[in-house]
Amino acid sequence: MNKKFQSYFESNGMTVSGNKAYGVVKGYETNANIATTVNSVEFPYKWFISFFATTDQKAQMEAGLRSAAIKNFKFTMTDCGLILSMTDFTVGRLVDRLPSVFDTVYGIIESNGGKGDGYCPFCGEPLDPSTSKKTDINGLKVTLDNGCVDKMNAVIDQENKDFENAPNNYLRGFMGALVGGAVGIVIAVVLALVGFISAIAAIAAVAVGAFLYRKLGGKPNKMMIVIVGATTLVCMVLAVVIAYLIAAGIAINEVGVDMNVFEVFALCMEDEEFSRMFYLDLVLSMIFAIVGAVAQMFVVGRSIKRKKHIG
């Protein structure tokens, strides 16, 4: 962990382990998770503050946080507290802001009745050491009443069961993937006609395809990744063919021969240099499609992970 972060966390009574920190800050159980590859994460510095609050209290907290207008700051309420994430131009600049930001955040939680350390963040009842435990929720340490752990796991089991029993809707999902592929084709053809072949088109195709796959009713599971990835790959190959056919059409207009684009393309493919360039572009397009699809599908894959039992 960056030494500036470590110093800040330790000065607030938190224990640092690797890129994580844990402790009770301003009366609230707090976790911090500092990403190591900030370039791949929009808001890489994340915190989770555990507390119990009613629905109305959480709504008031949300209103207070929005009114505070903290720069480069995002937040999400959960059943057991608040997830917040931040970023800045430099680590030093962010660390300098933290005292003021956390005075504001913890102050809003406290002033709106958030129950912190010593209370179960799920039910709000006082914690009894003999009937409570420090659990692991997606890598976060949260102290919960044993009964609440059972209740939360029961909810997770039911949600996962409902998900498994839900229809796959592969055809609807495929239509969404196809639209994404079409978007990728347009981008790839435009780039190819100006002399570029890149992974941008594949990334866009996967992003749009995965979004529409779910939007049209397809189940977000591993099969979605396969369908969207395969559709993207086929569409990127098709994009190269379309780009070359368009180029053939342009050549026909310039020369004025009485042939269609397919005939001209077939004739051009007999030329060794032309066919070499075509197959080279085809291979490069496939490579970039695979790279782009894998990169984007990694993000998609993380977003569709099912919840696991609280440990």
Protein backbone atom coordinates (compact mmCIF):
# COMPACT_ATOMS: atom_id res chain seq x y z
CA MET A 1 0.00 0.00 0.00
CA ASN A 2 1.11 3.56 -0.69
CA LYS A 3 2.93 4.95 2.37
CA LYS A 4 0.74 8.06 2.48
CA PHE A 5 -2.41 5.96 2.65
CA GLN A 6 -0.85 3.63 5.21
CA SER A 7 0.15 6.54 7.40
CA TYR A 8 -3.32 8.04 7.20
CA PHE A 9 -5.08 4.77 8.01
CA GLU A 10 -2.78 3.93 10.91
CA SER A 11 -3.19 7.43 12.33
CA ASN A 12 -6.92 6.70 12.45
CA GLY A 13 -6.42 3.44 14.35
CA MET A 14 -6.85 1.13 11.36
CA THR A 15 -4.81 -2.02 10.76
CA VAL A 16 -3.21 -2.24 7.32
CA SER A 17 -2.79 -5.57 5.54
CA GLY A 18 -1.63 -5.52 1.93
CA ASN A 19 -3.85 -3.08 0.07
CA LYS A 20 -6.61 -3.21 2.68
CA ALA A 21 -7.18 -1.50 5.99
CA TYR A 22 -9.69 -2.19 8.76
CA GLY A 23 -10.67 -0.59 12.02
CA VAL A 24 -13.19 1.47 13.93
CA VAL A 25 -13.11 5.09 12.75
CA LYS A 26 -15.17 7.81 14.45
CA GLY A 27 -17.26 5.09 16.08
CA TYR A 28 -17.98 3.14 12.88
CA GLU A 29 -16.49 -0.15 11.64
CA THR A 30 -14.63 0.81 8.47
CA ASN A 31 -12.93 -1.05 5.63
CA ALA A 32 -10.65 0.46 3.00
CA ASN A 33 -9.54 -1.17 -0.25
CA ILE A 34 -6.90 0.55 -2.37
CA ALA A 35 -6.66 -0.73 -5.96
CA THR A 36 -3.16 -1.44 -7.25
CA THR A 37 -3.94 -0.81 -10.94
CA VAL A 38 -5.60 2.58 -10.87
CA ASN A 39 -5.56 2.95 -14.67
CA SER A 40 -8.16 0.18 -15.04
CA VAL A 41 -10.49 1.50 -12.35
CA GLU A 42 -12.37 4.78 -12.60
CA PHE A 43 -12.65 5.28 -8.84
CA PRO A 44 -9.98 2.95 -7.42
CA TYR A 45 -10.01 4.00 -3.76
CA LYS A 46 -12.94 2.42 -1.95
CA TRP A 47 -14.28 2.46 1.60
CA PHE A 48 -17.11 0.67 3.36
CA ILE A 49 -18.59 2.13 6.53
CA SER A 50 -20.81 -0.26 8.51
CA PHE A 51 -23.87 1.06 10.31
CA PHE A 52 -27.58 0.46 10.77
CA ALA A 53 -30.12 3.01 9.59
CA THR A 54 -33.77 2.89 8.64
CA THR A 55 -34.87 3.43 5.04
CA ASP A 56 -35.87 7.03 5.82
CA GLN A 57 -32.57 7.70 7.58
CA LYS A 58 -30.61 6.34 4.62
CA ALA A 59 -32.63 8.56 2.28
CA GLN A 60 -31.69 11.57 4.42
CA MET A 61 -28.03 10.50 4.37
CA GLU A 62 -28.10 10.19 0.59
CA ALA A 63 -29.60 13.66 0.29
CA GLY A 64 -26.91 15.02 2.61
CA LEU A 65 -24.10 13.39 0.65
CA ARG A 66 -25.45 14.73 -2.63
CA SER A 67 -25.76 18.22 -1.15
CA ALA A 68 -22.17 18.04 0.08
CA ALA A 69 -21.10 17.90 -3.59
CA ILE A 70 -17.79 16.15 -2.85
CA LYS A 71 -15.56 16.11 -5.93
CA ASN A 72 -14.57 12.81 -7.55
CA PHE A 73 -16.80 10.93 -5.15
CA LYS A 74 -19.38 8.16 -5.58
CA PHE A 75 -21.47 6.32 -3.02
CA THR A 76 -23.96 3.45 -2.71
CA MET A 77 -26.11 2.47 0.24
CA THR A 78 -26.26 -1.21 1.17
CA ASP A 79 -28.15 -3.31 3.71
CA CYS A 80 -25.26 -2.88 6.14
CA GLY A 81 -23.90 0.59 5.48
CA LEU A 82 -22.29 2.78 2.86
CA ILE A 83 -19.85 2.04 0.04
CA LEU A 84 -17.97 5.08 -1.18
CA SER A 85 -15.23 5.49 -3.74
CA MET A 86 -12.94 8.38 -4.59
CA THR A 87 -10.12 9.43 -6.85
CA ASP A 88 -7.93 12.46 -7.58
CA PHE A 89 -5.03 13.50 -9.79
CA THR A 90 -2.44 12.26 -7.28
CA VAL A 91 -2.45 10.08 -4.18
CA GLY A 92 -1.00 12.91 -2.12
CA ARG A 93 -3.78 15.26 -3.16
CA LEU A 94 -6.42 12.66 -2.29
CA VAL A 95 -4.88 11.89 1.12
CA ASP A 96 -4.84 15.61 1.90
CA ARG A 97 -8.58 15.73 1.19
CA LEU A 98 -9.52 12.68 3.26
CA PRO A 99 -9.80 14.32 6.71
CA SER A 100 -12.27 16.91 5.44
CA VAL A 101 -14.20 14.39 3.33
CA PHE A 102 -14.54 11.89 6.16
CA ASP A 103 -15.52 14.54 8.66
CA THR A 104 -18.37 15.32 6.28
CA VAL A 105 -19.32 11.68 5.54
CA TYR A 106 -19.20 10.39 9.12
CA GLY A 107 -20.91 13.55 10.29
CA ILE A 108 -23.83 12.99 7.90
CA ILE A 109 -24.15 9.36 9.02
CA GLU A 110 -24.10 10.26 12.70
CA SER A 111 -26.43 13.26 12.44
CA ASN A 112 -29.02 11.11 10.70
CA GLY A 113 -29.06 8.39 13.35
CA GLY A 114 -26.68 5.80 11.95
CA LYS A 115 -25.91 3.18 14.61
CA GLY A 116 -22.24 2.26 14.47
CA ASP A 117 -19.83 0.08 16.44
CA GLY A 118 -21.60 -2.13 18.97
CA TYR A 119 -24.76 -2.48 16.90
CA CYS A 120 -25.57 -5.03 14.20
CA PRO A 121 -25.56 -3.09 10.90
CA PHE A 122 -28.26 -5.38 9.51
CA CYS A 123 -30.89 -5.34 12.29
CA GLY A 124 -29.75 -2.46 14.49
CA GLU A 125 -29.81 -4.44 17.75
CA PRO A 126 -26.90 -4.25 20.24
CA LEU A 127 -24.22 -6.83 19.51
CA ASP A 128 -23.58 -9.56 22.07
CA PRO A 129 -20.03 -10.98 21.74
CA SER A 130 -21.38 -14.48 22.47
CA THR A 131 -23.93 -14.38 19.63
CA SER A 132 -22.13 -12.31 17.01
CA LYS A 133 -19.12 -12.69 14.76
CA LYS A 134 -16.89 -10.81 12.37
CA THR A 135 -17.95 -11.96 8.91
CA ASP A 136 -16.51 -11.70 5.42
CA ILE A 137 -18.81 -9.96 2.94
CA ASN A 138 -17.08 -9.82 -0.45
CA GLY A 139 -13.72 -9.29 1.23
CA LEU A 140 -15.03 -6.81 3.79
CA LYS A 141 -14.95 -7.39 7.53
CA VAL A 142 -18.37 -6.73 9.04
CA THR A 143 -19.48 -7.69 12.56
CA LEU A 144 -23.00 -9.16 12.51
CA ASP A 145 -25.41 -10.94 14.82
CA ASN A 146 -25.37 -14.69 14.10
CA GLY A 147 -29.10 -14.67 13.43
CA CYS A 148 -28.68 -11.92 10.84
CA VAL A 149 -25.93 -13.91 9.12
CA ASP A 150 -28.37 -16.81 8.74
CA LYS A 151 -31.08 -14.48 7.43
CA MET A 152 -28.76 -12.87 4.89
CA ASN A 153 -27.51 -16.25 3.68
CA ALA A 154 -31.10 -17.45 3.32
CA VAL A 155 -31.86 -14.43 1.14
CA ILE A 156 -28.74 -15.11 -0.97
CA ASP A 157 -29.79 -18.77 -1.38
CA GLN A 158 -33.27 -17.74 -2.53
CA GLU A 159 -31.93 -15.14 -4.97
CA ASN A 160 -29.50 -17.65 -6.48
CA LYS A 161 -32.26 -20.26 -6.71
CA ASP A 162 -34.58 -17.80 -8.45
CA PHE A 163 -31.78 -16.90 -10.85
CA GLU A 164 -31.08 -20.54 -11.71
CA ASN A 165 -34.78 -21.19 -12.32
CA ALA A 166 -35.26 -18.11 -14.48
CA PRO A 167 -35.55 -18.69 -18.27
CA ASN A 168 -32.32 -18.30 -20.25
CA ASN A 169 -33.99 -16.47 -23.18
CA TYR A 170 -31.02 -17.23 -25.42
CA LEU A 171 -32.78 -15.98 -28.58
CA ARG A 172 -33.66 -12.61 -27.04
CA GLY A 173 -30.15 -12.31 -25.68
CA PHE A 174 -28.64 -13.21 -29.05
CA MET A 175 -30.63 -10.43 -30.70
CA GLY A 176 -29.06 -7.99 -28.28
CA ALA A 177 -25.60 -9.41 -28.99
CA LEU A 178 -26.31 -9.09 -32.72
CA VAL A 179 -27.18 -5.41 -32.39
CA GLY A 180 -23.95 -4.91 -30.48
CA GLY A 181 -22.10 -6.73 -33.24
CA ALA A 182 -23.71 -4.46 -35.83
CA VAL A 183 -22.48 -1.42 -33.92
CA GLY A 184 -19.02 -2.95 -33.92
CA ILE A 185 -19.21 -3.58 -37.67
CA VAL A 186 -20.04 0.06 -38.38
CA ILE A 187 -17.14 1.28 -36.23
CA ALA A 188 -14.71 -1.28 -37.66
CA VAL A 189 -15.66 -0.51 -41.29
CA VAL A 190 -15.29 3.23 -40.80
CA LEU A 191 -11.88 2.74 -39.15
CA ALA A 192 -10.78 0.27 -41.84
CA LEU A 193 -11.69 2.66 -44.66
CA VAL A 194 -9.43 5.31 -43.14
CA GLY A 195 -6.64 2.80 -42.62
CA PHE A 196 -7.04 1.68 -39.01
CA ILE A 197 -7.73 -1.71 -37.43
CA SER A 198 -8.03 -1.70 -33.66
CA ALA A 199 -9.74 -3.34 -30.70
CA ILE A 200 -12.03 -0.33 -30.21
CA ALA A 201 -14.78 -1.77 -32.40
CA ALA A 202 -14.72 -5.13 -30.58
CA ILE A 203 -14.81 -3.47 -27.17
CA ALA A 204 -17.80 -1.37 -28.22
CA ALA A 205 -19.54 -4.40 -29.72
CA VAL A 206 -19.14 -6.44 -26.53
CA ALA A 207 -20.19 -3.56 -24.27
CA VAL A 208 -23.33 -2.80 -26.29
CA GLY A 209 -24.06 -6.47 -26.93
CA ALA A 210 -23.80 -7.42 -23.24
CA PHE A 211 -25.99 -4.48 -22.22
CA LEU A 212 -28.70 -5.31 -24.77
CA TYR A 213 -28.41 -9.03 -24.07
CA ARG A 214 -29.61 -8.35 -20.54
CA LYS A 215 -31.95 -5.54 -21.54
CA LEU A 216 -33.86 -7.82 -23.92
CA GLY A 217 -34.29 -10.49 -21.26
CA GLY A 218 -31.27 -12.77 -21.69
CA LYS A 219 -29.98 -14.29 -18.47
CA PRO A 220 -26.61 -12.79 -17.47
CA ASN A 221 -24.63 -16.00 -17.03
CA LYS A 222 -21.57 -17.67 -18.54
CA MET A 223 -23.51 -18.49 -21.70
CA MET A 224 -24.03 -14.76 -22.23
CA ILE A 225 -20.26 -14.31 -22.33
CA VAL A 226 -19.93 -17.10 -24.91
CA ILE A 227 -22.75 -15.79 -27.12
CA VAL A 228 -21.66 -12.15 -27.01
CA GLY A 229 -18.00 -13.04 -27.51
CA ALA A 230 -18.66 -15.39 -30.46
CA THR A 231 -21.06 -12.93 -32.09
CA THR A 232 -18.51 -10.16 -31.77
CA LEU A 233 -15.77 -12.28 -33.35
CA VAL A 234 -17.96 -13.21 -36.34
CA CYS A 235 -19.05 -9.59 -36.79
CA MET A 236 -15.47 -8.32 -36.75
CA VAL A 237 -14.50 -10.79 -39.47
CA LEU A 238 -17.56 -9.72 -41.44
CA ALA A 239 -16.53 -6.08 -41.00
CA VAL A 240 -13.26 -6.70 -42.86
CA VAL A 241 -15.10 -8.33 -45.77
CA ILE A 242 -17.60 -5.46 -45.91
CA ALA A 243 -14.78 -2.88 -45.86
CA TYR A 244 -13.07 -4.56 -48.79
CA LEU A 245 -16.35 -4.84 -50.72
CA ILE A 246 -16.96 -1.12 -50.17
CA ALA A 247 -13.44 -0.42 -51.39
CA ALA A 248 -14.19 -2.55 -54.48
CA GLY A 249 -17.38 -0.54 -55.07
CA ILE A 250 -15.42 2.71 -54.88
CA ALA A 251 -12.92 1.34 -57.40
CA ILE A 252 -15.77 0.39 -59.78
CA ASN A 253 -17.13 3.96 -59.70
CA GLU A 254 -13.68 5.39 -60.37
CA VAL A 255 -12.83 3.04 -63.26
CA GLY A 256 -16.36 2.72 -64.66
CA VAL A 257 -16.24 -1.03 -65.41
CA ASP A 258 -19.46 -3.02 -65.87
CA MET A 259 -18.97 -5.45 -62.98
CA ASN A 260 -20.51 -5.87 -59.55
CA VAL A 261 -18.52 -5.58 -56.34
CA PHE A 262 -18.37 -9.33 -55.79
CA GLU A 263 -16.89 -9.92 -59.23
CA VAL A 264 -14.34 -7.17 -58.70
CA PHE A 265 -13.47 -8.51 -55.27
CA ALA A 266 -13.00 -12.04 -56.65
CA LEU A 267 -10.82 -10.66 -59.42
CA CYS A 268 -8.73 -8.64 -56.96
CA MET A 269 -8.25 -11.71 -54.77
CA GLU A 270 -6.37 -13.29 -57.67
CA ASP A 271 -3.71 -10.61 -57.16
CA GLU A 272 -1.12 -11.88 -54.69
CA GLU A 273 -0.50 -8.51 -53.02
CA PHE A 274 -4.23 -7.74 -52.64
CA SER A 275 -5.05 -11.17 -51.21
CA ARG A 276 -2.10 -10.93 -48.83
CA MET A 277 -3.34 -7.59 -47.51
CA PHE A 278 -6.89 -8.93 -47.19
CA TYR A 279 -5.86 -11.98 -45.17
CA LEU A 280 -3.46 -9.89 -43.07
CA ASP A 281 -6.26 -7.46 -42.21
CA LEU A 282 -8.54 -10.41 -41.51
CA VAL A 283 -6.07 -11.99 -39.10
CA LEU A 284 -5.34 -8.66 -37.40
CA SER A 285 -9.05 -7.99 -37.08
CA MET A 286 -9.59 -11.37 -35.43
CA ILE A 287 -6.68 -10.81 -33.05
CA PHE A 288 -7.92 -7.37 -32.05
CA ALA A 289 -11.46 -8.72 -31.76
CA ILE A 290 -10.31 -11.46 -29.41
CA VAL A 291 -8.17 -9.04 -27.36
CA GLY A 292 -10.96 -6.47 -27.19
CA ALA A 293 -13.63 -9.04 -26.42
CA VAL A 294 -11.56 -10.72 -23.69
CA ALA A 295 -10.78 -7.35 -22.08
CA GLN A 296 -14.42 -6.27 -22.08
CA MET A 297 -15.81 -9.69 -21.17
CA PHE A 298 -13.55 -9.73 -18.11
CA VAL A 299 -15.44 -6.67 -16.91
CA VAL A 300 -18.76 -8.25 -17.84
CA GLY A 301 -17.80 -11.50 -16.12
CA ARG A 302 -17.15 -9.72 -12.84
CA SER A 303 -20.51 -7.97 -13.04
CA ILE A 304 -22.50 -11.20 -13.35
CA LYS A 305 -20.95 -13.10 -10.46
CA ARG A 306 -23.56 -14.52 -8.12
CA LYS A 307 -23.53 -13.68 -4.44
CA LYS A 308 -21.80 -16.14 -2.11
CA HIS A 309 -22.59 -17.03 1.49
CA ILE A 310 -21.40 -14.61 4.13
CA GLY A 311 -18.56 -16.33 5.93
